[in-house]
Amino acid sequence: MEQYLRDHPGSSVSESESMVNSHIMKLTEERDDARNRAKRLCERLLFYRIQVDSECLAWLNDL
């Protein structure tokens, strides 16, 4: 907060708090989006791994 006030002279504390809170909200949304993308990727990778394992087992059974 103090750094923001130094970097933006003339800003009030409430304006600064609002800007900081807005930035925190944006970062939180970005983090949540990244977490959801990672979760979906892990789910897809697990699905493909199970699919590959099933195909390998079927192939081994055919030997």
PDB file of N, CA and C in Angstrom:
ATOM      1  N   MET A   1       0.831  -1.188   0.000  1.00  0.00           N
ATOM      2  CA  MET A   1       0.000   0.000   0.000  1.00  0.00           C
ATOM      3  C   MET A   1       0.871   1.245   0.000  1.00  0.00           C
ATOM      4  N   GLU A   2       1.862   1.280   0.912  1.00  0.00           N
ATOM      5  CA  GLU A   2       2.731   2.462   0.965  1.00  0.00           C
ATOM      6  C   GLU A   2       3.473   2.657  -0.348  1.00  0.00           C
ATOM      7  N   GLN A   3       3.881   1.530  -0.953  1.00  0.00           N
ATOM      8  CA  GLN A   3       4.588   1.608  -2.231  1.00  0.00           C
ATOM      9  C   GLN A   3       3.678   2.208  -3.301  1.00  0.00           C
ATOM     10  N   TYR A   4       2.419   1.807  -3.310  1.00  0.00           N
ATOM     11  CA  TYR A   4       1.474   2.353  -4.286  1.00  0.00           C
ATOM     12  C   TYR A   4       1.325   3.855  -4.092  1.00  0.00           C
ATOM     13  N   LEU A   5       1.204   4.295  -2.842  1.00  0.00           N
ATOM     14  CA  LEU A   5       1.050   5.726  -2.568  1.00  0.00           C
ATOM     15  C   LEU A   5       2.292   6.504  -2.999  1.00  0.00           C
ATOM     16  N   ARG A   6       3.469   5.897  -2.816  1.00  0.00           N
ATOM     17  CA  ARG A   6       4.701   6.563  -3.261  1.00  0.00           C
ATOM     18  C   ARG A   6       4.749   6.640  -4.788  1.00  0.00           C
ATOM     19  N   ASP A   7       4.313   5.565  -5.440  1.00  0.00           N
ATOM     20  CA  ASP A   7       4.351   5.514  -6.904  1.00  0.00           C
ATOM     21  C   ASP A   7       3.267   6.369  -7.552  1.00  0.00           C
ATOM     22  N   HIS A   8       2.200   6.668  -6.821  1.00  0.00           N
ATOM     23  CA  HIS A   8       1.069   7.435  -7.351  1.00  0.00           C
ATOM     24  C   HIS A   8       0.761   8.606  -6.419  1.00  0.00           C
ATOM     25  N   PRO A   9       1.616   9.626  -6.449  1.00  0.00           N
ATOM     26  CA  PRO A   9       1.388  10.770  -5.561  1.00  0.00           C
ATOM     27  C   PRO A   9       0.044  11.434  -5.860  1.00  0.00           C
ATOM     28  N   GLY A  10      -0.610  11.895  -4.821  1.00  0.00           N
ATOM     29  CA  GLY A  10      -1.908  12.540  -4.973  1.00  0.00           C
ATOM     30  C   GLY A  10      -3.073  11.584  -4.826  1.00  0.00           C
ATOM     31  N   SER A  11      -2.790  10.294  -4.791  1.00  0.00           N
ATOM     32  CA  SER A  11      -3.864   9.318  -4.601  1.00  0.00           C
ATOM     33  C   SER A  11      -4.248   9.271  -3.133  1.00  0.00           C
ATOM     34  N   SER A  12      -5.525   9.100  -2.892  1.00  0.00           N
ATOM     35  CA  SER A  12      -5.982   8.970  -1.507  1.00  0.00           C
ATOM     36  C   SER A  12      -5.822   7.519  -1.067  1.00  0.00           C
ATOM     37  N   VAL A  13      -5.859   7.323   0.232  1.00  0.00           N
ATOM     38  CA  VAL A  13      -5.729   5.968   0.762  1.00  0.00           C
ATOM     39  C   VAL A  13      -6.888   5.101   0.274  1.00  0.00           C
ATOM     40  N   SER A  14      -8.101   5.647   0.249  1.00  0.00           N
ATOM     41  CA  SER A  14      -9.249   4.842  -0.190  1.00  0.00           C
ATOM     42  C   SER A  14      -9.129   4.476  -1.669  1.00  0.00           C
ATOM     43  N   GLU A  15      -8.624   5.407  -2.499  1.00  0.00           N
ATOM     44  CA  GLU A  15      -8.395   5.083  -3.912  1.00  0.00           C
ATOM     45  C   GLU A  15      -7.347   3.986  -4.032  1.00  0.00           C
ATOM     46  N   SER A  16      -6.303   4.114  -3.232  1.00  0.00           N
ATOM     47  CA  SER A  16      -5.230   3.125  -3.268  1.00  0.00           C
ATOM     48  C   SER A  16      -5.734   1.765  -2.817  1.00  0.00           C
ATOM     49  N   GLU A  17      -6.512   1.749  -1.733  1.00  0.00           N
ATOM     50  CA  GLU A  17      -7.065   0.483  -1.255  1.00  0.00           C
ATOM     51  C   GLU A  17      -7.971  -0.136  -2.311  1.00  0.00           C
ATOM     52  N   SER A  18      -8.750   0.686  -2.970  1.00  0.00           N
ATOM     53  CA  SER A  18      -9.641   0.194  -4.014  1.00  0.00           C
ATOM     54  C   SER A  18      -8.839  -0.412  -5.162  1.00  0.00           C
ATOM     55  N   MET A  19      -7.772   0.265  -5.575  1.00  0.00           N
ATOM     56  CA  MET A  19      -6.925  -0.255  -6.654  1.00  0.00           C
ATOM     57  C   MET A  19      -6.266  -1.570  -6.242  1.00  0.00           C
ATOM     58  N   VAL A  20      -5.750  -1.609  -5.014  1.00  0.00           N
ATOM     59  CA  VAL A  20      -5.093  -2.825  -4.530  1.00  0.00           C
ATOM     60  C   VAL A  20      -6.103  -3.963  -4.457  1.00  0.00           C
ATOM     61  N   ASN A  21      -7.291  -3.693  -3.912  1.00  0.00           N
ATOM     62  CA  ASN A  21      -8.318  -4.729  -3.814  1.00  0.00           C
ATOM     63  C   ASN A  21      -8.746  -5.223  -5.188  1.00  0.00           C
ATOM     64  N   SER A  22      -8.856  -4.306  -6.137  1.00  0.00           N
ATOM     65  CA  SER A  22      -9.211  -4.680  -7.502  1.00  0.00           C
ATOM     66  C   SER A  22      -8.133  -5.582  -8.100  1.00  0.00           C
ATOM     67  N   HIS A  23      -6.887  -5.237  -7.860  1.00  0.00           N
ATOM     68  CA  HIS A  23      -5.776  -6.044  -8.373  1.00  0.00           C
ATOM     69  C   HIS A  23      -5.767  -7.423  -7.718  1.00  0.00           C
ATOM     70  N   ILE A  24      -6.027  -7.465  -6.429  1.00  0.00           N
ATOM     71  CA  ILE A  24      -6.081  -8.747  -5.719  1.00  0.00           C
ATOM     72  C   ILE A  24      -7.199  -9.615  -6.290  1.00  0.00           C
ATOM     73  N   MET A  25      -8.356  -9.011  -6.542  1.00  0.00           N
ATOM     74  CA  MET A  25      -9.480  -9.761  -7.119  1.00  0.00           C
ATOM     75  C   MET A  25      -9.104 -10.321  -8.493  1.00  0.00           C
ATOM     76  N   LYS A  26      -8.432  -9.507  -9.304  1.00  0.00           N
ATOM     77  CA  LYS A  26      -8.023  -9.957 -10.639  1.00  0.00           C
ATOM     78  C   LYS A  26      -7.038 -11.119 -10.533  1.00  0.00           C
ATOM     79  N   LEU A  27      -6.060 -10.995  -9.645  1.00  0.00           N
ATOM     80  CA  LEU A  27      -5.088 -12.070  -9.464  1.00  0.00           C
ATOM     81  C   LEU A  27      -5.749 -13.341  -8.940  1.00  0.00           C
ATOM     82  N   THR A  28      -6.720 -13.175  -8.054  1.00  0.00           N
ATOM     83  CA  THR A  28      -7.442 -14.326  -7.519  1.00  0.00           C
ATOM     84  C   THR A  28      -8.213 -15.033  -8.629  1.00  0.00           C
ATOM     85  N   GLU A  29      -8.869 -14.273  -9.492  1.00  0.00           N
ATOM     86  CA  GLU A  29      -9.590 -14.863 -10.626  1.00  0.00           C
ATOM     87  C   GLU A  29      -8.629 -15.589 -11.563  1.00  0.00           C
ATOM     88  N   GLU A  30      -7.482 -14.972 -11.844  1.00  0.00           N
ATOM     89  CA  GLU A  30      -6.492 -15.609 -12.718  1.00  0.00           C
ATOM     90  C   GLU A  30      -5.977 -16.900 -12.095  1.00  0.00           C
ATOM     91  N   ARG A  31      -5.738 -16.876 -10.774  1.00  0.00           N
ATOM     92  CA  ARG A  31      -5.266 -18.075 -10.087  1.00  0.00           C
ATOM     93  C   ARG A  31      -6.317 -19.179 -10.167  1.00  0.00           C
ATOM     94  N   ASP A  32      -7.578 -18.816  -9.915  1.00  0.00           N
ATOM     95  CA  ASP A  32      -8.653 -19.805  -9.962  1.00  0.00           C
ATOM     96  C   ASP A  32      -8.818 -20.373 -11.366  1.00  0.00           C
ATOM     97  N   ASP A  33      -8.718 -19.515 -12.382  1.00  0.00           N
ATOM     98  CA  ASP A  33      -8.801 -19.988 -13.770  1.00  0.00           C
ATOM     99  C   ASP A  33      -7.661 -20.955 -14.079  1.00  0.00           C
ATOM    100  N   ALA A  34      -6.451 -20.610 -13.654  1.00  0.00           N
ATOM    101  CA  ALA A  34      -5.291 -21.477 -13.888  1.00  0.00           C
ATOM    102  C   ALA A  34      -5.461 -22.805 -13.158  1.00  0.00           C
ATOM    103  N   ARG A  35      -5.970 -22.745 -11.943  1.00  0.00           N
ATOM    104  CA  ARG A  35      -6.198 -23.968 -11.163  1.00  0.00           C
ATOM    105  C   ARG A  35      -7.232 -24.854 -11.863  1.00  0.00           C
ATOM    106  N   ASN A  36      -8.293 -24.250 -12.376  1.00  0.00           N
ATOM    107  CA  ASN A  36      -9.321 -25.025 -13.082  1.00  0.00           C
ATOM    108  C   ASN A  36      -8.784 -25.627 -14.375  1.00  0.00           C
ATOM    109  N   ARG A  37      -7.965 -24.865 -15.108  1.00  0.00           N
ATOM    110  CA  ARG A  37      -7.357 -25.410 -16.333  1.00  0.00           C
ATOM    111  C   ARG A  37      -6.447 -26.584 -15.997  1.00  0.00           C
ATOM    112  N   ALA A  38      -5.658 -26.455 -14.938  1.00  0.00           N
ATOM    113  CA  ALA A  38      -4.759 -27.536 -14.529  1.00  0.00           C
ATOM    114  C   ALA A  38      -5.558 -28.770 -14.112  1.00  0.00           C
ATOM    115  N   LYS A  39      -6.647 -28.553 -13.413  1.00  0.00           N
ATOM    116  CA  LYS A  39      -7.489 -29.672 -12.983  1.00  0.00           C
ATOM    117  C   LYS A  39      -8.065 -30.400 -14.195  1.00  0.00           C
ATOM    118  N   ARG A  40      -8.584 -29.635 -15.174  1.00  0.00           N
ATOM    119  CA  ARG A  40      -9.137 -30.258 -16.383  1.00  0.00           C
ATOM    120  C   ARG A  40      -8.055 -31.015 -17.150  1.00  0.00           C
ATOM    121  N   LEU A  41      -6.855 -30.451 -17.219  1.00  0.00           N
ATOM    122  CA  LEU A  41      -5.756 -31.119 -17.903  1.00  0.00           C
ATOM    123  C   LEU A  41      -5.410 -32.431 -17.207  1.00  0.00           C
ATOM    124  N   CYS A  42      -5.332 -32.404 -15.884  1.00  0.00           N
ATOM    125  CA  CYS A  42      -5.035 -33.628 -15.130  1.00  0.00           C
ATOM    126  C   CYS A  42      -6.117 -34.678 -15.345  1.00  0.00           C
ATOM    127  N   GLU A  43      -7.371 -34.251 -15.373  1.00  0.00           N
ATOM    128  CA  GLU A  43      -8.469 -35.193 -15.613  1.00  0.00           C
ATOM    129  C   GLU A  43      -8.346 -35.825 -16.995  1.00  0.00           C
ATOM    130  N   ARG A  44      -8.010 -35.010 -18.003  1.00  0.00           N
ATOM    131  CA  ARG A  44      -7.842 -35.554 -19.362  1.00  0.00           C
ATOM    132  C   ARG A  44      -6.662 -36.509 -19.422  1.00  0.00           C
ATOM    133  N   LEU A  45      -5.550 -36.136 -18.779  1.00  0.00           N
ATOM    134  CA  LEU A  45      -4.379 -37.013 -18.789  1.00  0.00           C
ATOM    135  C   LEU A  45      -4.679 -38.336 -18.097  1.00  0.00           C
ATOM    136  N   LEU A  46      -5.404 -38.285 -16.996  1.00  0.00           N
ATOM    137  CA  LEU A  46      -5.779 -39.510 -16.296  1.00  0.00           C
ATOM    138  C   LEU A  46      -6.674 -40.366 -17.187  1.00  0.00           C
ATOM    139  N   PHE A  47      -7.638 -39.732 -17.867  1.00  0.00           N
ATOM    140  CA  PHE A  47      -8.520 -40.471 -18.776  1.00  0.00           C
ATOM    141  C   PHE A  47      -7.701 -41.163 -19.862  1.00  0.00           C
ATOM    142  N   TYR A  48      -6.766 -40.436 -20.481  1.00  0.00           N
ATOM    143  CA  TYR A  48      -5.960 -41.029 -21.544  1.00  0.00           C
ATOM    144  C   TYR A  48      -5.053 -42.122 -21.009  1.00  0.00           C
ATOM    145  N   ARG A  49      -4.551 -41.941 -19.799  1.00  0.00           N
ATOM    146  CA  ARG A  49      -3.700 -42.980 -19.207  1.00  0.00           C
ATOM    147  C   ARG A  49      -4.511 -44.245 -18.990  1.00  0.00           C
ATOM    148  N   ILE A  50      -5.720 -44.108 -18.461  1.00  0.00           N
ATOM    149  CA  ILE A  50      -6.575 -45.276 -18.256  1.00  0.00           C
ATOM    150  C   ILE A  50      -6.887 -45.931 -19.596  1.00  0.00           C
ATOM    151  N   GLN A  51      -7.154 -45.113 -20.604  1.00  0.00           N
ATOM    152  CA  GLN A  51      -7.463 -45.637 -21.929  1.00  0.00           C
ATOM    153  C   GLN A  51      -6.256 -46.393 -22.490  1.00  0.00           C
ATOM    154  N   VAL A  52      -5.060 -45.825 -22.363  1.00  0.00           N
ATOM    155  CA  VAL A  52      -3.848 -46.478 -22.862  1.00  0.00           C
ATOM    156  C   VAL A  52      -3.584 -47.755 -22.084  1.00  0.00           C
ATOM    157  N   ASP A  53      -3.742 -47.710 -20.753  1.00  0.00           N
ATOM    158  CA  ASP A  53      -3.540 -48.914 -19.946  1.00  0.00           C
ATOM    159  C   ASP A  53      -4.490 -50.021 -20.389  1.00  0.00           C
ATOM    160  N   SER A  54      -5.742 -49.676 -20.670  1.00  0.00           N
ATOM    161  CA  SER A  54      -6.728 -50.663 -21.118  1.00  0.00           C
ATOM    162  C   SER A  54      -6.320 -51.254 -22.465  1.00  0.00           C
ATOM    163  N   GLU A  55      -5.861 -50.399 -23.372  1.00  0.00           N
ATOM    164  CA  GLU A  55      -5.432 -50.879 -24.686  1.00  0.00           C
ATOM    165  C   GLU A  55      -4.198 -51.768 -24.564  1.00  0.00           C
ATOM    166  N   CYS A  56      -3.276 -51.414 -23.678  1.00  0.00           N
ATOM    167  CA  CYS A  56      -2.080 -52.239 -23.472  1.00  0.00           C
ATOM    168  C   CYS A  56      -2.455 -53.597 -22.888  1.00  0.00           C
ATOM    169  N   LEU A  57      -3.357 -53.600 -21.930  1.00  0.00           N
ATOM    170  CA  LEU A  57      -3.798 -54.868 -21.348  1.00  0.00           C
ATOM    171  C   LEU A  57      -4.483 -55.738 -22.393  1.00  0.00           C
ATOM    172  N   ALA A  58      -5.307 -55.132 -23.229  1.00  0.00           N
ATOM    173  CA  ALA A  58      -5.976 -55.887 -24.294  1.00  0.00           C
ATOM    174  C   ALA A  58      -4.939 -56.454 -25.256  1.00  0.00           C
ATOM    175  N   TRP A  59      -3.939 -55.661 -25.589  1.00  0.00           N
ATOM    176  CA  TRP A  59      -2.886 -56.117 -26.495  1.00  0.00           C
ATOM    177  C   TRP A  59      -2.111 -57.273 -25.868  1.00  0.00           C
ATOM    178  N   LEU A  60      -1.776 -57.154 -24.570  1.00  0.00           N
ATOM    179  CA  LEU A  60      -1.051 -58.226 -23.884  1.00  0.00           C
ATOM    180  C   LEU A  60      -1.884 -59.502 -23.819  1.00  0.00           C
ATOM    181  N   ASN A  61      -3.174 -59.359 -23.618  1.00  0.00           N
ATOM    182  CA  ASN A  61      -4.048 -60.537 -23.565  1.00  0.00           C
ATOM    183  C   ASN A  61      -4.122 -61.235 -24.912  1.00  0.00           C
ATOM    184  N   ASP A  62      -3.939 -60.476 -25.991  1.00  0.00           N
ATOM    185  CA  ASP A  62      -3.992 -61.063 -27.331  1.00  0.00           C
ATOM    186  C   ASP A  62      -2.717 -61.816 -27.680  1.00  0.00           C
ATOM    187  N   LEU A  63      -1.646 -61.628 -26.922  1.00  0.00           N
ATOM    188  CA  LEU A  63      -0.374 -62.302 -27.237  1.00  0.00           C
ATOM    189  C   LEU A  63      -0.423 -63.769 -26.928  1.00  0.00           C
TER     190      LEU A  63
END
